[in-house]
Amino acid sequence: MNGELAPSILSFPLIELGQAVPVMVENGADWIHFDVMDGQFVPPITFGDQLVRDLRRVTQAKFEVHLMTLTPERQFDAFISAGCHRVIFHAEATVHAHRLIQQIKEAGAEAGVAINPATPVAVLEPILADIDLALVMTVNPGWGGQKLIASTLDKVRQIRALRPEMSIEVDGGIDAFTVAAAKEAGANVFVVGSHLAKADDLGSAVRNIKDLLA
């Protein structure tokens, strides 16, 4: 299957996003990925649903929010109302994953569940039939610009064997040099952040990644 590109806005200056997001969409981005951090699940604090609302005014692209937060369910309605088509929460942040998946779907969005590099795939097995997407963190969450942890790709392979048809997303250290290995492992949705933010020509960088995913 052809891969989907989900640029993360985490590494971009907020003041530039009104221009950067349309450029990424016009050059082939399939999703825009919002990394929301609360200062508790991970140390940094990023932004809230107002940024999603503001950027919805400049593009009709599909938005997904990745909630790296404790009590993620408190934010579902706000981000879906702001314009997110998919909500991803962390398996490590709840003991009620089934309930949270149901909440997201009942609100009209796709449901995704993420796991950290040290979390085994077994944690996802009871809910694989219920989710629309599994996100494998290929770095420890919290900061952009980290190096991909190669061993995490084994988890992508495990999930792909369990659910051949399901979307599997990788997030962390994905760039023009690592995307091929992630794709070979079975990923089909790729979060790319700092690689694009550092590019001299953003549109060209997006097109290059898209070509590698074809």
C-alpha atoms as a PDB file:
ATOM      1  CA  MET A   1       0.000   0.000   0.000  1.00  0.00           C
ATOM      2  CA  ASN A   2       1.148   3.550  -0.683  1.00  0.00           C
ATOM      3  CA  GLY A   3       2.212   5.423   2.414  1.00  0.00           C
ATOM      4  CA  GLU A   4       0.505   8.496   3.840  1.00  0.00           C
ATOM      5  CA  LEU A   5       2.498  11.493   5.026  1.00  0.00           C
ATOM      6  CA  ALA A   6       1.438  13.206   8.251  1.00  0.00           C
ATOM      7  CA  PRO A   7       3.744  16.176   8.851  1.00  0.00           C
ATOM      8  CA  SER A   8       4.056  17.144  12.507  1.00  0.00           C
ATOM      9  CA  ILE A   9       3.941  20.860  13.233  1.00  0.00           C
ATOM     10  CA  LEU A  10       5.868  20.410  16.503  1.00  0.00           C
ATOM     11  CA  SER A  11       9.224  21.653  15.192  1.00  0.00           C
ATOM     12  CA  PHE A  12       7.837  24.640  13.279  1.00  0.00           C
ATOM     13  CA  PRO A  13       7.672  28.125  14.819  1.00  0.00           C
ATOM     14  CA  LEU A  14       4.018  28.717  15.637  1.00  0.00           C
ATOM     15  CA  ILE A  15       4.081  32.080  13.918  1.00  0.00           C
ATOM     16  CA  GLU A  16       4.952  30.376  10.595  1.00  0.00           C
ATOM     17  CA  LEU A  17       2.268  27.699  10.606  1.00  0.00           C
ATOM     18  CA  GLY A  18      -0.320  29.750   8.739  1.00  0.00           C
ATOM     19  CA  GLN A  19       1.992  29.680   5.739  1.00  0.00           C
ATOM     20  CA  ALA A  20       3.735  26.325   6.280  1.00  0.00           C
ATOM     21  CA  VAL A  21       0.650  24.139   6.630  1.00  0.00           C
ATOM     22  CA  PRO A  22      -0.902  25.100   3.263  1.00  0.00           C
ATOM     23  CA  VAL A  23       2.470  24.552   1.565  1.00  0.00           C
ATOM     24  CA  MET A  24       2.699  21.045   3.004  1.00  0.00           C
ATOM     25  CA  VAL A  25      -0.862  20.213   1.985  1.00  0.00           C
ATOM     26  CA  GLU A  26      -0.440  21.599  -1.527  1.00  0.00           C
ATOM     27  CA  ASN A  27       2.660  19.445  -2.009  1.00  0.00           C
ATOM     28  CA  GLY A  28       1.067  16.186  -0.959  1.00  0.00           C
ATOM     29  CA  ALA A  29       0.708  15.932   2.815  1.00  0.00           C
ATOM     30  CA  ASP A  30      -2.169  13.584   3.613  1.00  0.00           C
ATOM     31  CA  TRP A  31      -2.660  14.621   7.240  1.00  0.00           C
ATOM     32  CA  ILE A  32      -1.471  17.392   9.544  1.00  0.00           C
ATOM     33  CA  HIS A  33      -0.293  15.945  12.859  1.00  0.00           C
ATOM     34  CA  PHE A  34      -0.736  17.897  16.108  1.00  0.00           C
ATOM     35  CA  ASP A  35       1.477  16.804  19.013  1.00  0.00           C
ATOM     36  CA  VAL A  36      -0.287  17.875  22.196  1.00  0.00           C
ATOM     37  CA  MET A  37       1.762  17.600  25.389  1.00  0.00           C
ATOM     38  CA  ASP A  38       0.618  18.469  28.887  1.00  0.00           C
ATOM     39  CA  GLY A  39       3.842  18.702  30.900  1.00  0.00           C
ATOM     40  CA  GLN A  40       2.885  15.573  32.839  1.00  0.00           C
ATOM     41  CA  PHE A  41       2.790  12.560  30.538  1.00  0.00           C
ATOM     42  CA  VAL A  42       5.854  14.119  28.905  1.00  0.00           C
ATOM     43  CA  PRO A  43       7.813  17.123  30.239  1.00  0.00           C
ATOM     44  CA  PRO A  44       7.048  19.756  27.552  1.00  0.00           C
ATOM     45  CA  ILE A  45       3.821  21.708  27.171  1.00  0.00           C
ATOM     46  CA  THR A  46       2.806  22.505  23.603  1.00  0.00           C
ATOM     47  CA  PHE A  47      -0.603  23.884  22.593  1.00  0.00           C
ATOM     48  CA  GLY A  48      -4.334  23.287  22.781  1.00  0.00           C
ATOM     49  CA  ASP A  49      -7.357  23.050  20.530  1.00  0.00           C
ATOM     50  CA  GLN A  50      -7.320  26.763  19.625  1.00  0.00           C
ATOM     51  CA  LEU A  51      -4.342  26.190  17.332  1.00  0.00           C
ATOM     52  CA  VAL A  52      -6.323  23.513  15.494  1.00  0.00           C
ATOM     53  CA  ARG A  53      -9.221  25.956  15.102  1.00  0.00           C
ATOM     54  CA  ASP A  54      -6.903  28.654  13.777  1.00  0.00           C
ATOM     55  CA  LEU A  55      -5.265  26.368  11.230  1.00  0.00           C
ATOM     56  CA  ARG A  56      -8.593  24.951  10.114  1.00  0.00           C
ATOM     57  CA  ARG A  57      -9.197  28.423   8.649  1.00  0.00           C
ATOM     58  CA  VAL A  58      -6.289  28.022   6.183  1.00  0.00           C
ATOM     59  CA  THR A  59      -6.783  24.429   4.986  1.00  0.00           C
ATOM     60  CA  GLN A  60      -9.377  21.707   4.624  1.00  0.00           C
ATOM     61  CA  ALA A  61      -6.752  18.974   5.060  1.00  0.00           C
ATOM     62  CA  LYS A  62      -7.335  16.070   7.410  1.00  0.00           C
ATOM     63  CA  PHE A  63      -6.092  16.763  10.941  1.00  0.00           C
ATOM     64  CA  GLU A  64      -5.048  14.240  13.569  1.00  0.00           C
ATOM     65  CA  VAL A  65      -4.225  14.999  17.185  1.00  0.00           C
ATOM     66  CA  HIS A  66      -1.718  12.926  19.152  1.00  0.00           C
ATOM     67  CA  LEU A  67      -2.518  13.397  22.828  1.00  0.00           C
ATOM     68  CA  MET A  68       0.630  12.828  24.863  1.00  0.00           C
ATOM     69  CA  THR A  69      -1.330  13.645  27.975  1.00  0.00           C
ATOM     70  CA  LEU A  70      -2.701  12.171  31.148  1.00  0.00           C
ATOM     71  CA  THR A  71      -6.514  11.959  31.206  1.00  0.00           C
ATOM     72  CA  PRO A  72      -6.663  12.327  27.402  1.00  0.00           C
ATOM     73  CA  GLU A  73     -10.426  11.825  27.411  1.00  0.00           C
ATOM     74  CA  ARG A  74     -10.850  15.335  28.804  1.00  0.00           C
ATOM     75  CA  GLN A  75      -9.640  16.714  25.468  1.00  0.00           C
ATOM     76  CA  PHE A  76     -11.456  14.533  22.946  1.00  0.00           C
ATOM     77  CA  ASP A  77     -14.495  16.743  22.387  1.00  0.00           C
ATOM     78  CA  ALA A  78     -12.480  19.957  22.158  1.00  0.00           C
ATOM     79  CA  PHE A  79     -10.144  18.674  19.452  1.00  0.00           C
ATOM     80  CA  ILE A  80     -12.865  16.951  17.452  1.00  0.00           C
ATOM     81  CA  SER A  81     -14.962  20.110  17.606  1.00  0.00           C
ATOM     82  CA  ALA A  82     -11.934  22.132  16.492  1.00  0.00           C
ATOM     83  CA  GLY A  83     -11.633  20.047  13.334  1.00  0.00           C
ATOM     84  CA  CYS A  84      -9.642  16.862  14.027  1.00  0.00           C
ATOM     85  CA  HIS A  85     -10.646  13.800  12.038  1.00  0.00           C
ATOM     86  CA  ARG A  86      -8.565  11.395  14.115  1.00  0.00           C
ATOM     87  CA  VAL A  87      -7.706  11.327  17.822  1.00  0.00           C
ATOM     88  CA  ILE A  88      -4.770   9.280  19.112  1.00  0.00           C
ATOM     89  CA  PHE A  89      -4.195   8.650  22.806  1.00  0.00           C
ATOM     90  CA  HIS A  90      -1.545   6.611  24.617  1.00  0.00           C
ATOM     91  CA  ALA A  91      -2.209   3.135  25.917  1.00  0.00           C
ATOM     92  CA  GLU A  92       0.019   3.996  28.891  1.00  0.00           C
ATOM     93  CA  ALA A  93      -2.264   6.888  29.911  1.00  0.00           C
ATOM     94  CA  THR A  94      -5.416   4.913  30.697  1.00  0.00           C
ATOM     95  CA  VAL A  95      -6.757   1.674  32.121  1.00  0.00           C
ATOM     96  CA  HIS A  96      -9.983   2.137  30.138  1.00  0.00           C
ATOM     97  CA  ALA A  97      -8.822   1.971  26.533  1.00  0.00           C
ATOM     98  CA  HIS A  98     -12.033   0.389  25.216  1.00  0.00           C
ATOM     99  CA  ARG A  99     -14.141   3.123  26.768  1.00  0.00           C
ATOM    100  CA  LEU A 100     -11.964   5.875  25.331  1.00  0.00           C
ATOM    101  CA  ILE A 101     -12.053   4.327  21.862  1.00  0.00           C
ATOM    102  CA  GLN A 102     -15.845   4.252  22.053  1.00  0.00           C
ATOM    103  CA  GLN A 103     -15.944   7.901  23.138  1.00  0.00           C
ATOM    104  CA  ILE A 104     -13.887   8.998  20.145  1.00  0.00           C
ATOM    105  CA  LYS A 105     -15.945   7.019  17.649  1.00  0.00           C
ATOM    106  CA  GLU A 106     -19.227   8.181  19.127  1.00  0.00           C
ATOM    107  CA  ALA A 107     -18.001  11.759  18.669  1.00  0.00           C
ATOM    108  CA  GLY A 108     -17.495  11.068  14.959  1.00  0.00           C
ATOM    109  CA  ALA A 109     -13.701  10.702  14.688  1.00  0.00           C
ATOM    110  CA  GLU A 110     -11.297   7.859  13.980  1.00  0.00           C
ATOM    111  CA  ALA A 111      -9.626   6.351  17.047  1.00  0.00           C
ATOM    112  CA  GLY A 112      -5.911   5.654  17.294  1.00  0.00           C
ATOM    113  CA  VAL A 113      -3.830   4.287  20.155  1.00  0.00           C
ATOM    114  CA  ALA A 114      -0.101   4.923  20.596  1.00  0.00           C
ATOM    115  CA  ILE A 115       2.558   2.950  22.432  1.00  0.00           C
ATOM    116  CA  ASN A 116       5.948   4.139  23.667  1.00  0.00           C
ATOM    117  CA  PRO A 117       9.231   2.435  22.709  1.00  0.00           C
ATOM    118  CA  ALA A 118       9.312   0.383  25.931  1.00  0.00           C
ATOM    119  CA  THR A 119       5.670  -0.728  25.726  1.00  0.00           C
ATOM    120  CA  PRO A 120       5.069  -4.192  24.246  1.00  0.00           C
ATOM    121  CA  VAL A 121       2.640  -4.871  21.429  1.00  0.00           C
ATOM    122  CA  ALA A 122       0.739  -7.179  23.781  1.00  0.00           C
ATOM    123  CA  VAL A 123      -0.797  -4.081  25.357  1.00  0.00           C
ATOM    124  CA  LEU A 124      -2.572  -3.357  22.063  1.00  0.00           C
ATOM    125  CA  GLU A 125      -3.750  -6.869  21.270  1.00  0.00           C
ATOM    126  CA  PRO A 126      -7.082  -6.663  23.163  1.00  0.00           C
ATOM    127  CA  ILE A 127      -8.072  -3.500  21.258  1.00  0.00           C
ATOM    128  CA  LEU A 128      -6.612  -4.074  17.791  1.00  0.00           C
ATOM    129  CA  ALA A 129     -10.015  -5.020  16.419  1.00  0.00           C
ATOM    130  CA  ASP A 130     -11.524  -1.764  17.691  1.00  0.00           C
ATOM    131  CA  ILE A 131      -9.041   0.908  16.635  1.00  0.00           C
ATOM    132  CA  ASP A 132      -8.557   2.564  13.268  1.00  0.00           C
ATOM    133  CA  LEU A 133      -4.828   3.104  13.709  1.00  0.00           C
ATOM    134  CA  ALA A 134      -1.938   1.974  15.884  1.00  0.00           C
ATOM    135  CA  LEU A 135       0.874   4.465  16.420  1.00  0.00           C
ATOM    136  CA  VAL A 136       4.298   3.085  17.266  1.00  0.00           C
ATOM    137  CA  MET A 137       6.531   5.698  18.835  1.00  0.00           C
ATOM    138  CA  THR A 138       9.938   5.249  17.262  1.00  0.00           C
ATOM    139  CA  VAL A 139      11.511   7.657  19.754  1.00  0.00           C
ATOM    140  CA  ASN A 140      10.676   8.440  23.359  1.00  0.00           C
ATOM    141  CA  PRO A 141       7.910  11.049  23.202  1.00  0.00           C
ATOM    142  CA  GLY A 142       8.399  14.655  24.185  1.00  0.00           C
ATOM    143  CA  TRP A 143      10.811  16.288  21.767  1.00  0.00           C
ATOM    144  CA  GLY A 144      11.328  16.527  18.043  1.00  0.00           C
ATOM    145  CA  GLY A 145      14.612  15.882  16.306  1.00  0.00           C
ATOM    146  CA  GLN A 146      15.494  12.590  18.011  1.00  0.00           C
ATOM    147  CA  LYS A 147      17.133   9.587  16.322  1.00  0.00           C
ATOM    148  CA  LEU A 148      14.884   6.670  15.415  1.00  0.00           C
ATOM    149  CA  ILE A 149      15.182   3.667  17.758  1.00  0.00           C
ATOM    150  CA  ALA A 150      15.614   0.840  15.255  1.00  0.00           C
ATOM    151  CA  SER A 151      14.274  -1.886  17.551  1.00  0.00           C
ATOM    152  CA  THR A 152      10.838  -0.225  17.591  1.00  0.00           C
ATOM    153  CA  LEU A 153      10.319  -1.300  13.986  1.00  0.00           C
ATOM    154  CA  ASP A 154       9.991  -4.885  15.203  1.00  0.00           C
ATOM    155  CA  LYS A 155       6.757  -3.798  16.866  1.00  0.00           C
ATOM    156  CA  VAL A 156       5.489  -2.482  13.551  1.00  0.00           C
ATOM    157  CA  ARG A 157       6.136  -5.923  12.059  1.00  0.00           C
ATOM    158  CA  GLN A 158       4.292  -7.608  14.922  1.00  0.00           C
ATOM    159  CA  ILE A 159       1.237  -5.396  14.551  1.00  0.00           C
ATOM    160  CA  ARG A 160       1.214  -5.801  10.770  1.00  0.00           C
ATOM    161  CA  ALA A 161       1.197  -9.588  11.217  1.00  0.00           C
ATOM    162  CA  LEU A 162      -1.741  -9.342  13.614  1.00  0.00           C
ATOM    163  CA  ARG A 163      -3.783  -6.832  11.568  1.00  0.00           C
ATOM    164  CA  PRO A 164      -2.653  -6.881   7.917  1.00  0.00           C
ATOM    165  CA  GLU A 165      -5.241  -4.319   6.835  1.00  0.00           C
ATOM    166  CA  MET A 166      -4.926  -1.767   9.661  1.00  0.00           C
ATOM    167  CA  SER A 167      -3.183   1.594   9.449  1.00  0.00           C
ATOM    168  CA  ILE A 168       0.088   1.655  11.384  1.00  0.00           C
ATOM    169  CA  GLU A 169       1.759   4.988  12.021  1.00  0.00           C
ATOM    170  CA  VAL A 170       5.369   5.644  13.016  1.00  0.00           C
ATOM    171  CA  ASP A 171       6.398   8.812  14.803  1.00  0.00           C
ATOM    172  CA  GLY A 172       9.927   9.890  15.666  1.00  0.00           C
ATOM    173  CA  GLY A 173      13.146  10.133  13.708  1.00  0.00           C
ATOM    174  CA  ILE A 174      11.402   9.636  10.378  1.00  0.00           C
ATOM    175  CA  ASP A 175      13.161  11.366   7.504  1.00  0.00           C
ATOM    176  CA  ALA A 176      14.338  10.739   3.943  1.00  0.00           C
ATOM    177  CA  PHE A 177      16.950   8.282   5.263  1.00  0.00           C
ATOM    178  CA  THR A 178      14.814   6.210   7.667  1.00  0.00           C
ATOM    179  CA  VAL A 179      11.444   6.163   5.943  1.00  0.00           C
ATOM    180  CA  ALA A 180      12.334   3.170   3.765  1.00  0.00           C
ATOM    181  CA  ALA A 181      13.095   0.958   6.777  1.00  0.00           C
ATOM    182  CA  ALA A 182       9.848   1.987   8.464  1.00  0.00           C
ATOM    183  CA  LYS A 183       7.898   1.263   5.297  1.00  0.00           C
ATOM    184  CA  GLU A 184       9.590  -2.124   4.887  1.00  0.00           C
ATOM    185  CA  ALA A 185       8.608  -2.997   8.453  1.00  0.00           C
ATOM    186  CA  GLY A 186       4.954  -2.441   7.573  1.00  0.00           C
ATOM    187  CA  ALA A 187       4.161   1.153   8.476  1.00  0.00           C
ATOM    188  CA  ASN A 188       1.852   3.039   6.122  1.00  0.00           C
ATOM    189  CA  VAL A 189       1.428   6.404   7.896  1.00  0.00           C
ATOM    190  CA  PHE A 190       4.557   8.434   8.554  1.00  0.00           C
ATOM    191  CA  VAL A 191       4.912  11.393  10.899  1.00  0.00           C
ATOM    192  CA  VAL A 192       7.736  13.653   9.723  1.00  0.00           C
ATOM    193  CA  GLY A 193       8.553  16.769  11.709  1.00  0.00           C
ATOM    194  CA  SER A 194      12.002  18.256  12.212  1.00  0.00           C
ATOM    195  CA  HIS A 195      13.220  16.952   8.845  1.00  0.00           C
ATOM    196  CA  LEU A 196      10.640  19.157   7.134  1.00  0.00           C
ATOM    197  CA  ALA A 197      11.008  22.088   9.518  1.00  0.00           C
ATOM    198  CA  LYS A 198      14.733  22.287   8.751  1.00  0.00           C
ATOM    199  CA  ALA A 199      14.315  22.042   4.968  1.00  0.00           C
ATOM    200  CA  ASP A 200      15.456  24.946   2.815  1.00  0.00           C
ATOM    201  CA  ASP A 201      12.531  24.292   0.463  1.00  0.00           C
ATOM    202  CA  LEU A 202       9.538  22.934   2.383  1.00  0.00           C
ATOM    203  CA  GLY A 203       7.476  22.032  -0.660  1.00  0.00           C
ATOM    204  CA  SER A 204      10.332  20.116  -2.248  1.00  0.00           C
ATOM    205  CA  ALA A 205      11.031  18.251   0.996  1.00  0.00           C
ATOM    206  CA  VAL A 206       7.392  17.163   1.258  1.00  0.00           C
ATOM    207  CA  ARG A 207       7.355  15.984  -2.358  1.00  0.00           C
ATOM    208  CA  ASN A 208      10.563  14.037  -1.810  1.00  0.00           C
ATOM    209  CA  ILE A 209       9.120  12.134   1.128  1.00  0.00           C
ATOM    210  CA  LYS A 210       5.915  11.461  -0.796  1.00  0.00           C
ATOM    211  CA  ASP A 211       7.941  10.023  -3.671  1.00  0.00           C
ATOM    212  CA  LEU A 212       9.677   7.684  -1.235  1.00  0.00           C
ATOM    213  CA  LEU A 213       6.296   6.492   0.055  1.00  0.00           C
ATOM    214  CA  ALA A 214       4.845   5.679  -3.361  1.00  0.00           C
END
